[in-house]
Amino acid sequence: MTAAIWAALEATWPAAETARVGPWLLRRGLGGGKRVSAASAAGQWLPDHISLAETAMKAWGQTSLFVLRGPEDPLDAVLGDRGYRLVDPVAIYAGDAGRLAEPAPEPLTSFAHWPGLRVTDVIWDAAGIGLARRAVMARVAGPKAVLLGRHGDRVAGVAFVSALGNVAMIHALEVAPDQRRRGVGRNLMRAAGVWAQAQGAATLALAVTDANLPARALYASLGMRAVEHYHYRAKDIDAGKHAR
């Protein structure tokens, strides 16, 4: 399942372009966030090879940024010694889609659709998920949907969901500030579980920064658990709310 989750994470939030440069896999993000802009090791590397990735990322107009799957990765220490700072530790949570789908959302409280609507874009814009990140959603090749959540007669939240094989991933879940603590996030997670099952996916997963304690508490209360971790090493880059 670990390999399937990593593959789904890559496929459901894809870079605009990828390239192999020496032992590195480079991702071109075009403003879509760290996850689609980071380099990762794809072969045997030596410390001297790091400059190959740095030069290629600079040519793309990107900051030198690497993604690593845990502190045990030998590359982590090498980058640290070179002045790369640790940025945004992230946990991948996963749970049973069928369990998450029960009880199903009440009628008219959630809608799965594609493409997104202007009203969902408004919520994303206010949360800093602008056109560049929504362009990531648009280039997903597999099954995908925008989930619109309602509370009463108000549009209250939004999320993006996509699937690869047996794993569905939820991304960019946001609840309008004046609609928080009303169960909107929980309802969107249930709607995602229903959607995942409809695509034949048994697992629903997502990535969340370690610092986002309220979100982590919600996912744990739904029976999800942290199954993988990753973080970034970066130079001259600010950690941001939507850095995952």
C-alpha atoms as a PDB file:
ATOM      1  CA  MET A   1       0.000   0.000   0.000  1.00  0.00           C
ATOM      2  CA  THR A   2       2.903   2.387   0.669  1.00  0.00           C
ATOM      3  CA  ALA A   3       3.967   2.407  -2.982  1.00  0.00           C
ATOM      4  CA  ALA A   4       0.358   2.886  -4.093  1.00  0.00           C
ATOM      5  CA  ILE A   5      -0.058   5.926  -1.840  1.00  0.00           C
ATOM      6  CA  TRP A   6       3.135   7.573  -3.105  1.00  0.00           C
ATOM      7  CA  ALA A   7       2.053   6.913  -6.699  1.00  0.00           C
ATOM      8  CA  ALA A   8      -1.402   8.369  -6.034  1.00  0.00           C
ATOM      9  CA  LEU A   9       0.075  11.445  -4.378  1.00  0.00           C
ATOM     10  CA  GLU A  10       2.164  12.104  -7.487  1.00  0.00           C
ATOM     11  CA  ALA A  11      -0.622  11.386  -9.977  1.00  0.00           C
ATOM     12  CA  THR A  12      -3.362  13.349  -8.236  1.00  0.00           C
ATOM     13  CA  TRP A  13      -1.266  16.498  -7.751  1.00  0.00           C
ATOM     14  CA  PRO A  14       1.050  16.455 -10.778  1.00  0.00           C
ATOM     15  CA  ALA A  15       3.861  18.771 -11.771  1.00  0.00           C
ATOM     16  CA  ALA A  16       3.552  20.691 -15.004  1.00  0.00           C
ATOM     17  CA  GLU A  17       6.711  18.967 -16.237  1.00  0.00           C
ATOM     18  CA  THR A  18       9.238  16.429 -14.978  1.00  0.00           C
ATOM     19  CA  ALA A  19      12.806  15.798 -16.125  1.00  0.00           C
ATOM     20  CA  ARG A  20      15.640  13.447 -15.238  1.00  0.00           C
ATOM     21  CA  VAL A  21      18.906  15.289 -14.647  1.00  0.00           C
ATOM     22  CA  GLY A  22      21.655  12.947 -13.559  1.00  0.00           C
ATOM     23  CA  PRO A  23      20.386  11.040 -10.500  1.00  0.00           C
ATOM     24  CA  TRP A  24      17.546  13.506  -9.863  1.00  0.00           C
ATOM     25  CA  LEU A  25      13.876  13.716 -10.788  1.00  0.00           C
ATOM     26  CA  LEU A  26      12.993  17.371 -11.209  1.00  0.00           C
ATOM     27  CA  ARG A  27       9.474  18.796 -11.041  1.00  0.00           C
ATOM     28  CA  ARG A  28       8.399  22.050 -12.637  1.00  0.00           C
ATOM     29  CA  GLY A  29       5.648  23.590 -10.550  1.00  0.00           C
ATOM     30  CA  LEU A  30       4.766  26.871 -12.302  1.00  0.00           C
ATOM     31  CA  GLY A  31       3.636  28.291  -8.965  1.00  0.00           C
ATOM     32  CA  GLY A  32       1.663  25.210  -7.924  1.00  0.00           C
ATOM     33  CA  GLY A  33       3.405  24.762  -4.577  1.00  0.00           C
ATOM     34  CA  LYS A  34       6.382  22.923  -3.149  1.00  0.00           C
ATOM     35  CA  ARG A  35       5.146  19.412  -3.811  1.00  0.00           C
ATOM     36  CA  VAL A  36       5.157  19.968  -7.579  1.00  0.00           C
ATOM     37  CA  SER A  37       8.371  22.003  -7.537  1.00  0.00           C
ATOM     38  CA  ALA A  38      10.769  19.809  -5.550  1.00  0.00           C
ATOM     39  CA  ALA A  39      13.555  17.560  -6.763  1.00  0.00           C
ATOM     40  CA  SER A  40      14.000  14.038  -5.433  1.00  0.00           C
ATOM     41  CA  ALA A  41      16.636  11.344  -5.772  1.00  0.00           C
ATOM     42  CA  ALA A  42      15.909   8.865  -8.554  1.00  0.00           C
ATOM     43  CA  GLY A  43      19.218   7.026  -8.637  1.00  0.00           C
ATOM     44  CA  GLN A  44      22.596   6.740  -6.987  1.00  0.00           C
ATOM     45  CA  TRP A  45      23.928  10.193  -6.141  1.00  0.00           C
ATOM     46  CA  LEU A  46      27.053  11.781  -4.735  1.00  0.00           C
ATOM     47  CA  PRO A  47      27.214  15.156  -2.957  1.00  0.00           C
ATOM     48  CA  ASP A  48      28.831  16.701  -6.035  1.00  0.00           C
ATOM     49  CA  HIS A  49      25.724  15.805  -8.034  1.00  0.00           C
ATOM     50  CA  ILE A  50      23.554  18.246  -6.049  1.00  0.00           C
ATOM     51  CA  SER A  51      24.787  21.134  -8.183  1.00  0.00           C
ATOM     52  CA  LEU A  52      23.243  19.467 -11.248  1.00  0.00           C
ATOM     53  CA  ALA A  53      19.785  19.757  -9.684  1.00  0.00           C
ATOM     54  CA  GLU A  54      20.445  23.282  -8.433  1.00  0.00           C
ATOM     55  CA  THR A  55      21.464  24.471 -11.895  1.00  0.00           C
ATOM     56  CA  ALA A  56      18.428  22.879 -13.550  1.00  0.00           C
ATOM     57  CA  MET A  57      16.001  24.298 -10.994  1.00  0.00           C
ATOM     58  CA  LYS A  58      17.530  27.755 -11.426  1.00  0.00           C
ATOM     59  CA  ALA A  59      17.066  27.458 -15.194  1.00  0.00           C
ATOM     60  CA  TRP A  60      13.366  26.846 -14.546  1.00  0.00           C
ATOM     61  CA  GLY A  61      13.218  29.906 -12.319  1.00  0.00           C
ATOM     62  CA  GLN A  62      12.714  27.782  -9.212  1.00  0.00           C
ATOM     63  CA  THR A  63      14.346  27.862  -5.798  1.00  0.00           C
ATOM     64  CA  SER A  64      16.618  24.972  -4.870  1.00  0.00           C
ATOM     65  CA  LEU A  65      14.201  22.586  -3.177  1.00  0.00           C
ATOM     66  CA  PHE A  66      14.348  18.868  -2.408  1.00  0.00           C
ATOM     67  CA  VAL A  67      11.689  16.537  -1.009  1.00  0.00           C
ATOM     68  CA  LEU A  68      12.752  13.703   1.292  1.00  0.00           C
ATOM     69  CA  ARG A  69      10.866  10.775   2.771  1.00  0.00           C
ATOM     70  CA  GLY A  70      12.047  11.037   6.365  1.00  0.00           C
ATOM     71  CA  PRO A  71      15.186  11.995   8.316  1.00  0.00           C
ATOM     72  CA  GLU A  72      16.713   8.559   7.704  1.00  0.00           C
ATOM     73  CA  ASP A  73      17.313   9.569   4.078  1.00  0.00           C
ATOM     74  CA  PRO A  74      21.109  10.105   3.735  1.00  0.00           C
ATOM     75  CA  LEU A  75      20.429  13.082   1.477  1.00  0.00           C
ATOM     76  CA  ASP A  76      18.803  14.894   4.394  1.00  0.00           C
ATOM     77  CA  ALA A  77      22.050  15.249   6.344  1.00  0.00           C
ATOM     78  CA  VAL A  78      24.052  16.228   3.255  1.00  0.00           C
ATOM     79  CA  LEU A  79      21.617  19.001   2.358  1.00  0.00           C
ATOM     80  CA  GLY A  80      21.578  20.192   5.970  1.00  0.00           C
ATOM     81  CA  ASP A  81      25.357  20.488   5.940  1.00  0.00           C
ATOM     82  CA  ARG A  82      25.076  22.561   2.763  1.00  0.00           C
ATOM     83  CA  GLY A  83      22.797  25.110   4.409  1.00  0.00           C
ATOM     84  CA  TYR A  84      19.449  23.755   3.304  1.00  0.00           C
ATOM     85  CA  ARG A  85      16.899  24.239   6.043  1.00  0.00           C
ATOM     86  CA  LEU A  86      14.186  21.798   6.932  1.00  0.00           C
ATOM     87  CA  VAL A  87      10.763  23.006   5.792  1.00  0.00           C
ATOM     88  CA  ASP A  88       7.241  21.764   6.432  1.00  0.00           C
ATOM     89  CA  PRO A  89       7.290  18.233   7.815  1.00  0.00           C
ATOM     90  CA  VAL A  90       4.219  16.507   6.371  1.00  0.00           C
ATOM     91  CA  ALA A  91       2.269  13.402   7.329  1.00  0.00           C
ATOM     92  CA  ILE A  92       0.218  11.333   4.897  1.00  0.00           C
ATOM     93  CA  TYR A  93      -2.959  10.107   6.551  1.00  0.00           C
ATOM     94  CA  ALA A  94      -4.937   7.184   5.154  1.00  0.00           C
ATOM     95  CA  GLY A  95      -8.186   5.473   6.038  1.00  0.00           C
ATOM     96  CA  ASP A  96     -10.786   3.054   4.782  1.00  0.00           C
ATOM     97  CA  ALA A  97     -13.010   4.845   2.262  1.00  0.00           C
ATOM     98  CA  GLY A  98     -16.040   2.789   3.220  1.00  0.00           C
ATOM     99  CA  ARG A  99     -15.692   3.670   6.875  1.00  0.00           C
ATOM    100  CA  LEU A 100     -15.188   7.334   6.058  1.00  0.00           C
ATOM    101  CA  ALA A 101     -18.318   7.325   3.892  1.00  0.00           C
ATOM    102  CA  GLU A 102     -20.562   6.328   6.804  1.00  0.00           C
ATOM    103  CA  PRO A 103     -22.809   7.928   7.681  1.00  0.00           C
ATOM    104  CA  ALA A 104     -23.161   9.428   4.227  1.00  0.00           C
ATOM    105  CA  PRO A 105     -23.599  13.213   4.022  1.00  0.00           C
ATOM    106  CA  GLU A 106     -27.140  14.494   4.321  1.00  0.00           C
ATOM    107  CA  PRO A 107     -28.859  15.320   1.006  1.00  0.00           C
ATOM    108  CA  LEU A 108     -27.937  18.714  -0.467  1.00  0.00           C
ATOM    109  CA  THR A 109     -24.962  19.173   1.886  1.00  0.00           C
ATOM    110  CA  SER A 110     -22.290  18.177  -0.638  1.00  0.00           C
ATOM    111  CA  PHE A 111     -21.943  18.034  -4.403  1.00  0.00           C
ATOM    112  CA  ALA A 112     -19.245  16.411  -6.535  1.00  0.00           C
ATOM    113  CA  HIS A 113     -18.660  18.161  -9.855  1.00  0.00           C
ATOM    114  CA  TRP A 114     -16.033  19.046 -12.430  1.00  0.00           C
ATOM    115  CA  PRO A 115     -14.908  21.614 -13.416  1.00  0.00           C
ATOM    116  CA  GLY A 116     -15.098  23.809 -10.335  1.00  0.00           C
ATOM    117  CA  LEU A 117     -17.563  26.641  -9.934  1.00  0.00           C
ATOM    118  CA  ARG A 118     -16.886  30.311  -9.348  1.00  0.00           C
ATOM    119  CA  VAL A 119     -18.231  30.002  -5.806  1.00  0.00           C
ATOM    120  CA  THR A 120     -15.697  27.287  -4.950  1.00  0.00           C
ATOM    121  CA  ASP A 121     -12.918  29.361  -6.508  1.00  0.00           C
ATOM    122  CA  VAL A 122     -13.840  32.213  -4.171  1.00  0.00           C
ATOM    123  CA  ILE A 123     -13.212  30.019  -1.107  1.00  0.00           C
ATOM    124  CA  TRP A 124      -9.940  28.734  -2.540  1.00  0.00           C
ATOM    125  CA  ASP A 125      -8.791  32.236  -3.500  1.00  0.00           C
ATOM    126  CA  ALA A 126      -9.425  33.482   0.038  1.00  0.00           C
ATOM    127  CA  ALA A 127      -7.332  30.585   1.383  1.00  0.00           C
ATOM    128  CA  GLY A 128      -4.421  31.259  -0.972  1.00  0.00           C
ATOM    129  CA  ILE A 129      -5.189  28.445  -3.401  1.00  0.00           C
ATOM    130  CA  GLY A 130      -5.108  30.523  -6.552  1.00  0.00           C
ATOM    131  CA  LEU A 131      -4.988  29.903 -10.262  1.00  0.00           C
ATOM    132  CA  ALA A 132      -1.585  28.180 -10.233  1.00  0.00           C
ATOM    133  CA  ARG A 133      -2.720  25.548  -7.747  1.00  0.00           C
ATOM    134  CA  ARG A 134      -6.042  25.094  -9.494  1.00  0.00           C
ATOM    135  CA  ALA A 135      -4.047  24.537 -12.690  1.00  0.00           C
ATOM    136  CA  VAL A 136      -2.512  21.522 -10.943  1.00  0.00           C
ATOM    137  CA  MET A 137      -6.022  20.125 -10.491  1.00  0.00           C
ATOM    138  CA  ALA A 138      -6.877  20.789 -14.142  1.00  0.00           C
ATOM    139  CA  ARG A 139      -3.949  18.736 -15.426  1.00  0.00           C
ATOM    140  CA  VAL A 140      -4.827  15.608 -13.443  1.00  0.00           C
ATOM    141  CA  ALA A 141      -5.475  12.912 -16.048  1.00  0.00           C
ATOM    142  CA  GLY A 142      -7.452  10.452 -13.925  1.00  0.00           C
ATOM    143  CA  PRO A 143     -10.849  10.580 -12.200  1.00  0.00           C
ATOM    144  CA  LYS A 144     -11.305  13.838 -10.309  1.00  0.00           C
ATOM    145  CA  ALA A 145     -13.934  16.104  -8.790  1.00  0.00           C
ATOM    146  CA  VAL A 146     -14.438  19.256  -6.816  1.00  0.00           C
ATOM    147  CA  LEU A 147     -16.466  18.661  -3.672  1.00  0.00           C
ATOM    148  CA  LEU A 148     -18.655  21.588  -2.654  1.00  0.00           C
ATOM    149  CA  GLY A 149     -19.863  21.560   0.940  1.00  0.00           C
ATOM    150  CA  ARG A 150     -22.923  23.412   2.215  1.00  0.00           C
ATOM    151  CA  HIS A 151     -24.136  24.312   5.682  1.00  0.00           C
ATOM    152  CA  GLY A 152     -27.706  25.528   5.859  1.00  0.00           C
ATOM    153  CA  ASP A 153     -28.203  27.646   2.764  1.00  0.00           C
ATOM    154  CA  ARG A 154     -24.539  28.684   2.525  1.00  0.00           C
ATOM    155  CA  VAL A 155     -21.627  27.387   0.510  1.00  0.00           C
ATOM    156  CA  ALA A 156     -19.303  26.519   3.359  1.00  0.00           C
ATOM    157  CA  GLY A 157     -16.332  24.516   2.085  1.00  0.00           C
ATOM    158  CA  VAL A 158     -14.561  22.939  -0.847  1.00  0.00           C
ATOM    159  CA  ALA A 159     -12.058  20.172  -1.582  1.00  0.00           C
ATOM    160  CA  PHE A 160     -10.454  18.504  -4.581  1.00  0.00           C
ATOM    161  CA  VAL A 161     -10.386  14.724  -4.869  1.00  0.00           C
ATOM    162  CA  SER A 162      -8.793  12.407  -7.407  1.00  0.00           C
ATOM    163  CA  ALA A 163      -8.004   8.708  -7.648  1.00  0.00           C
ATOM    164  CA  LEU A 164      -5.367   6.367  -8.973  1.00  0.00           C
ATOM    165  CA  GLY A 165      -6.323   2.715  -8.811  1.00  0.00           C
ATOM    166  CA  ASN A 166      -7.215   1.669  -5.289  1.00  0.00           C
ATOM    167  CA  VAL A 167      -6.247   4.994  -3.673  1.00  0.00           C
ATOM    168  CA  ALA A 168      -8.144   8.292  -3.730  1.00  0.00           C
ATOM    169  CA  MET A 169      -6.426  11.461  -2.523  1.00  0.00           C
ATOM    170  CA  ILE A 170      -8.091  14.562  -1.164  1.00  0.00           C
ATOM    171  CA  HIS A 171      -6.359  17.907  -1.633  1.00  0.00           C
ATOM    172  CA  ALA A 172      -7.001  21.585  -0.889  1.00  0.00           C
ATOM    173  CA  LEU A 173      -9.760  21.043   1.657  1.00  0.00           C
ATOM    174  CA  GLU A 174     -10.831  24.470   2.855  1.00  0.00           C
ATOM    175  CA  VAL A 175     -13.709  25.677   5.003  1.00  0.00           C
ATOM    176  CA  ALA A 176     -14.841  29.312   4.891  1.00  0.00           C
ATOM    177  CA  PRO A 177     -13.723  31.058   8.117  1.00  0.00           C
ATOM    178  CA  ASP A 178     -17.272  31.925   9.190  1.00  0.00           C
ATOM    179  CA  GLN A 179     -18.379  28.295   8.691  1.00  0.00           C
ATOM    180  CA  ARG A 180     -15.758  26.545  10.792  1.00  0.00           C
ATOM    181  CA  ARG A 181     -16.547  24.281  13.766  1.00  0.00           C
ATOM    182  CA  ARG A 182     -19.886  23.360  12.192  1.00  0.00           C
ATOM    183  CA  GLY A 183     -18.930  19.952  10.865  1.00  0.00           C
ATOM    184  CA  VAL A 184     -18.250  21.126   7.317  1.00  0.00           C
ATOM    185  CA  GLY A 185     -14.787  19.558   7.117  1.00  0.00           C
ATOM    186  CA  ARG A 186     -16.076  16.264   8.503  1.00  0.00           C
ATOM    187  CA  ASN A 187     -18.921  16.319   5.978  1.00  0.00           C
ATOM    188  CA  LEU A 188     -16.497  16.930   3.097  1.00  0.00           C
ATOM    189  CA  MET A 189     -14.377  13.988   4.240  1.00  0.00           C
ATOM    190  CA  ARG A 190     -17.464  11.768   4.195  1.00  0.00           C
ATOM    191  CA  ALA A 191     -18.349  13.046   0.735  1.00  0.00           C
ATOM    192  CA  ALA A 192     -14.799  12.189  -0.353  1.00  0.00           C
ATOM    193  CA  GLY A 193     -15.258   8.677   1.001  1.00  0.00           C
ATOM    194  CA  VAL A 194     -18.463   8.265  -0.996  1.00  0.00           C
ATOM    195  CA  TRP A 195     -16.745   9.567  -4.144  1.00  0.00           C
ATOM    196  CA  ALA A 196     -13.733   7.283  -3.610  1.00  0.00           C
ATOM    197  CA  GLN A 197     -15.945   4.224  -3.346  1.00  0.00           C
ATOM    198  CA  ALA A 198     -17.722   5.200  -6.560  1.00  0.00           C
ATOM    199  CA  GLN A 199     -14.328   5.158  -8.305  1.00  0.00           C
ATOM    200  CA  GLY A 200     -13.485   1.728  -6.912  1.00  0.00           C
ATOM    201  CA  ALA A 201     -10.915   3.074  -4.430  1.00  0.00           C
ATOM    202  CA  ALA A 202     -10.804   1.390  -1.034  1.00  0.00           C
ATOM    203  CA  THR A 203      -8.384   3.863   0.561  1.00  0.00           C
ATOM    204  CA  LEU A 204      -8.736   7.607   1.033  1.00  0.00           C
ATOM    205  CA  ALA A 205      -5.548   9.506   1.828  1.00  0.00           C
ATOM    206  CA  LEU A 206      -4.277  13.065   2.151  1.00  0.00           C
ATOM    207  CA  ALA A 207      -1.186  15.061   3.082  1.00  0.00           C
ATOM    208  CA  VAL A 208      -1.199  17.487   6.005  1.00  0.00           C
ATOM    209  CA  THR A 209       1.587  19.495   7.599  1.00  0.00           C
ATOM    210  CA  ASP A 210       2.600  18.406  11.084  1.00  0.00           C
ATOM    211  CA  ALA A 211       1.858  21.928  12.309  1.00  0.00           C
ATOM    212  CA  ASN A 212      -1.831  21.726  11.315  1.00  0.00           C
ATOM    213  CA  LEU A 213      -3.016  20.241  14.590  1.00  0.00           C
ATOM    214  CA  PRO A 214      -6.776  20.877  14.123  1.00  0.00           C
ATOM    215  CA  ALA A 215      -6.796  19.069  10.762  1.00  0.00           C
ATOM    216  CA  ARG A 216      -4.760  16.166  12.137  1.00  0.00           C
ATOM    217  CA  ALA A 217      -7.197  15.831  15.038  1.00  0.00           C
ATOM    218  CA  LEU A 218     -10.119  15.716  12.614  1.00  0.00           C
ATOM    219  CA  TYR A 219      -8.525  13.002  10.493  1.00  0.00           C
ATOM    220  CA  ALA A 220      -7.637  10.920  13.551  1.00  0.00           C
ATOM    221  CA  SER A 221     -11.219  11.220  14.830  1.00  0.00           C
ATOM    222  CA  LEU A 222     -12.402   9.775  11.506  1.00  0.00           C
ATOM    223  CA  GLY A 223     -10.244   6.696  11.975  1.00  0.00           C
ATOM    224  CA  MET A 224      -7.421   7.777   9.667  1.00  0.00           C
ATOM    225  CA  ARG A 225      -3.797   7.299  10.691  1.00  0.00           C
ATOM    226  CA  ALA A 226      -0.441   8.642   9.619  1.00  0.00           C
ATOM    227  CA  VAL A 227       1.157   6.059   7.330  1.00  0.00           C
ATOM    228  CA  GLU A 228       3.976   8.034   5.688  1.00  0.00           C
ATOM    229  CA  HIS A 229       5.983  11.197   6.247  1.00  0.00           C
ATOM    230  CA  TYR A 230       8.025  13.577   4.150  1.00  0.00           C
ATOM    231  CA  HIS A 231       9.610  17.005   4.394  1.00  0.00           C
ATOM    232  CA  TYR A 232      11.535  19.511   2.317  1.00  0.00           C
ATOM    233  CA  ARG A 233      15.031  20.944   2.390  1.00  0.00           C
ATOM    234  CA  ALA A 234      15.158  24.410   0.880  1.00  0.00           C
ATOM    235  CA  LYS A 235      17.314  27.468   0.313  1.00  0.00           C
ATOM    236  CA  ASP A 236      15.893  30.980   0.342  1.00  0.00           C
ATOM    237  CA  ILE A 237      12.250  29.966   0.512  1.00  0.00           C
ATOM    238  CA  ASP A 238       9.534  30.764   3.019  1.00  0.00           C
ATOM    239  CA  ALA A 239       7.357  28.049   4.510  1.00  0.00           C
ATOM    240  CA  GLY A 240       3.700  28.713   3.698  1.00  0.00           C
ATOM    241  CA  LYS A 241       0.290  27.500   4.719  1.00  0.00           C
ATOM    242  CA  HIS A 242      -0.202  25.622   1.445  1.00  0.00           C
ATOM    243  CA  ALA A 243       3.316  24.286   1.100  1.00  0.00           C
ATOM    244  CA  ARG A 244       2.328  20.617   1.087  1.00  0.00           C
END
